[in-house]
Amino acid sequence: MKKKIIIAVAIILVVLIAALAIYWETTHGNRRLVDTKNRFTRAIIQLPNGEVVDGKVSSWLDYTDSDTVMVTIAGKTYLTHYSNVCLIDE
């Protein structure tokens, strides 16, 4: 009986940890749950009107099958092509 309870608790913990990891990865583009790279502190973005935005990155998110990146600087979110943004780790 004790073994069944321990196994059930272990399975529940694994499922909860996996769900937390998936949630974290999809909502925290700049801060991965387990990641040693892809942490950017600054971004420079060129807008279509020629204006350049340079600032501290609050969060960023890239899309797996796309060349689009979403970057948030000072509460403002920019969705742009990778060719218009430079993500910097300082």
C-alpha atoms as a PDB file:
ATOM      1  CA  MET A   1       0.000   0.000   0.000  1.00  0.00           C
ATOM      2  CA  LYS A   2       2.818   2.419   0.860  1.00  0.00           C
ATOM      3  CA  LYS A   3       4.542   1.733  -2.467  1.00  0.00           C
ATOM      4  CA  LYS A   4       1.371   2.598  -4.396  1.00  0.00           C
ATOM      5  CA  ILE A   5       1.016   5.883  -2.512  1.00  0.00           C
ATOM      6  CA  ILE A   6       4.663   6.797  -3.095  1.00  0.00           C
ATOM      7  CA  ILE A   7       4.384   5.991  -6.811  1.00  0.00           C
ATOM      8  CA  ALA A   8       1.160   8.013  -7.117  1.00  0.00           C
ATOM      9  CA  VAL A   9       2.729  11.008  -5.379  1.00  0.00           C
ATOM     10  CA  ALA A  10       5.846  10.742  -7.579  1.00  0.00           C
ATOM     11  CA  ILE A  11       3.733  10.664 -10.756  1.00  0.00           C
ATOM     12  CA  ILE A  12       1.727  13.688  -9.620  1.00  0.00           C
ATOM     13  CA  LEU A  13       4.928  15.609  -8.856  1.00  0.00           C
ATOM     14  CA  VAL A  14       6.428  14.798 -12.267  1.00  0.00           C
ATOM     15  CA  VAL A  15       3.253  15.939 -14.035  1.00  0.00           C
ATOM     16  CA  LEU A  16       3.130  19.168 -12.013  1.00  0.00           C
ATOM     17  CA  ILE A  17       6.797  19.934 -12.709  1.00  0.00           C
ATOM     18  CA  ALA A  18       6.307  19.283 -16.437  1.00  0.00           C
ATOM     19  CA  ALA A  19       3.240  21.547 -16.500  1.00  0.00           C
ATOM     20  CA  LEU A  20       5.150  24.290 -14.682  1.00  0.00           C
ATOM     21  CA  ALA A  21       8.055  24.003 -17.125  1.00  0.00           C
ATOM     22  CA  ILE A  22       5.726  24.287 -20.136  1.00  0.00           C
ATOM     23  CA  TYR A  23       3.916  27.264 -18.600  1.00  0.00           C
ATOM     24  CA  TRP A  24       7.194  29.000 -17.736  1.00  0.00           C
ATOM     25  CA  GLU A  25       8.666  28.479 -21.218  1.00  0.00           C
ATOM     26  CA  THR A  26       5.602  29.902 -22.954  1.00  0.00           C
ATOM     27  CA  THR A  27       5.173  32.937 -20.696  1.00  0.00           C
ATOM     28  CA  HIS A  28       8.733  33.950 -19.824  1.00  0.00           C
ATOM     29  CA  GLY A  29      10.632  34.276 -23.104  1.00  0.00           C
ATOM     30  CA  ASN A  30      13.585  36.018 -21.490  1.00  0.00           C
ATOM     31  CA  ARG A  31      13.814  33.741 -18.474  1.00  0.00           C
ATOM     32  CA  ARG A  32      13.782  30.028 -19.096  1.00  0.00           C
ATOM     33  CA  LEU A  33      13.264  27.554 -16.282  1.00  0.00           C
ATOM     34  CA  VAL A  34      16.409  25.664 -17.257  1.00  0.00           C
ATOM     35  CA  ASP A  35      18.547  27.620 -19.676  1.00  0.00           C
ATOM     36  CA  THR A  36      22.161  28.701 -19.814  1.00  0.00           C
ATOM     37  CA  LYS A  37      21.867  30.970 -22.826  1.00  0.00           C
ATOM     38  CA  ASN A  38      19.376  33.205 -24.630  1.00  0.00           C
ATOM     39  CA  ARG A  39      19.158  35.776 -21.842  1.00  0.00           C
ATOM     40  CA  PHE A  40      19.136  39.237 -23.313  1.00  0.00           C
ATOM     41  CA  THR A  41      19.251  42.426 -21.292  1.00  0.00           C
ATOM     42  CA  ARG A  42      19.132  45.009 -24.073  1.00  0.00           C
ATOM     43  CA  ALA A  43      17.594  45.329 -27.512  1.00  0.00           C
ATOM     44  CA  ILE A  44      17.934  47.724 -30.424  1.00  0.00           C
ATOM     45  CA  ILE A  45      14.958  47.734 -32.786  1.00  0.00           C
ATOM     46  CA  GLN A  46      14.573  49.606 -36.061  1.00  0.00           C
ATOM     47  CA  LEU A  47      10.975  50.607 -36.760  1.00  0.00           C
ATOM     48  CA  PRO A  48       9.487  51.008 -40.261  1.00  0.00           C
ATOM     49  CA  ASN A  49       9.424  54.824 -39.911  1.00  0.00           C
ATOM     50  CA  GLY A  50      13.197  54.842 -39.361  1.00  0.00           C
ATOM     51  CA  GLU A  51      13.010  55.381 -35.613  1.00  0.00           C
ATOM     52  CA  VAL A  52      15.372  53.293 -33.501  1.00  0.00           C
ATOM     53  CA  VAL A  53      14.300  51.963 -30.109  1.00  0.00           C
ATOM     54  CA  ASP A  54      17.084  51.055 -27.676  1.00  0.00           C
ATOM     55  CA  GLY A  55      16.335  49.837 -24.176  1.00  0.00           C
ATOM     56  CA  LYS A  56      16.248  47.250 -21.446  1.00  0.00           C
ATOM     57  CA  VAL A  57      14.433  44.045 -22.411  1.00  0.00           C
ATOM     58  CA  SER A  58      11.589  43.091 -20.075  1.00  0.00           C
ATOM     59  CA  SER A  59      10.804  39.966 -22.082  1.00  0.00           C
ATOM     60  CA  TRP A  60      11.209  38.508 -25.526  1.00  0.00           C
ATOM     61  CA  LEU A  61       9.708  35.610 -27.415  1.00  0.00           C
ATOM     62  CA  ASP A  62      10.615  34.002 -30.702  1.00  0.00           C
ATOM     63  CA  TYR A  63       8.455  31.622 -32.644  1.00  0.00           C
ATOM     64  CA  THR A  64       9.668  28.164 -33.648  1.00  0.00           C
ATOM     65  CA  ASP A  65       8.622  28.166 -37.295  1.00  0.00           C
ATOM     66  CA  SER A  66       8.949  31.884 -37.946  1.00  0.00           C
ATOM     67  CA  ASP A  67      11.463  34.677 -38.378  1.00  0.00           C
ATOM     68  CA  THR A  68       9.405  36.933 -36.121  1.00  0.00           C
ATOM     69  CA  VAL A  69      10.374  38.051 -32.635  1.00  0.00           C
ATOM     70  CA  MET A  70       8.340  39.863 -29.974  1.00  0.00           C
ATOM     71  CA  VAL A  71      10.327  42.150 -27.666  1.00  0.00           C
ATOM     72  CA  THR A  72       9.004  44.189 -24.724  1.00  0.00           C
ATOM     73  CA  ILE A  73      10.925  47.329 -23.768  1.00  0.00           C
ATOM     74  CA  ALA A  74       9.653  49.770 -21.121  1.00  0.00           C
ATOM     75  CA  GLY A  75       6.155  48.269 -21.170  1.00  0.00           C
ATOM     76  CA  LYS A  76       5.816  48.553 -24.954  1.00  0.00           C
ATOM     77  CA  THR A  77       5.760  45.381 -27.067  1.00  0.00           C
ATOM     78  CA  TYR A  78       7.278  45.250 -30.546  1.00  0.00           C
ATOM     79  CA  LEU A  79       6.586  42.441 -33.011  1.00  0.00           C
ATOM     80  CA  THR A  80       9.139  42.513 -35.780  1.00  0.00           C
ATOM     81  CA  HIS A  81      11.303  40.508 -38.148  1.00  0.00           C
ATOM     82  CA  TYR A  82      14.666  39.327 -36.830  1.00  0.00           C
ATOM     83  CA  SER A  83      16.445  41.545 -39.358  1.00  0.00           C
ATOM     84  CA  ASN A  84      15.083  44.618 -37.515  1.00  0.00           C
ATOM     85  CA  VAL A  85      16.226  43.707 -34.025  1.00  0.00           C
ATOM     86  CA  CYS A  86      19.505  43.170 -32.226  1.00  0.00           C
ATOM     87  CA  LEU A  87      19.244  41.342 -28.903  1.00  0.00           C
ATOM     88  CA  ILE A  88      22.217  41.960 -26.626  1.00  0.00           C
ATOM     89  CA  ASP A  89      23.447  40.231 -23.479  1.00  0.00           C
ATOM     90  CA  GLU A  90      25.447  42.741 -21.468  1.00  0.00           C
END
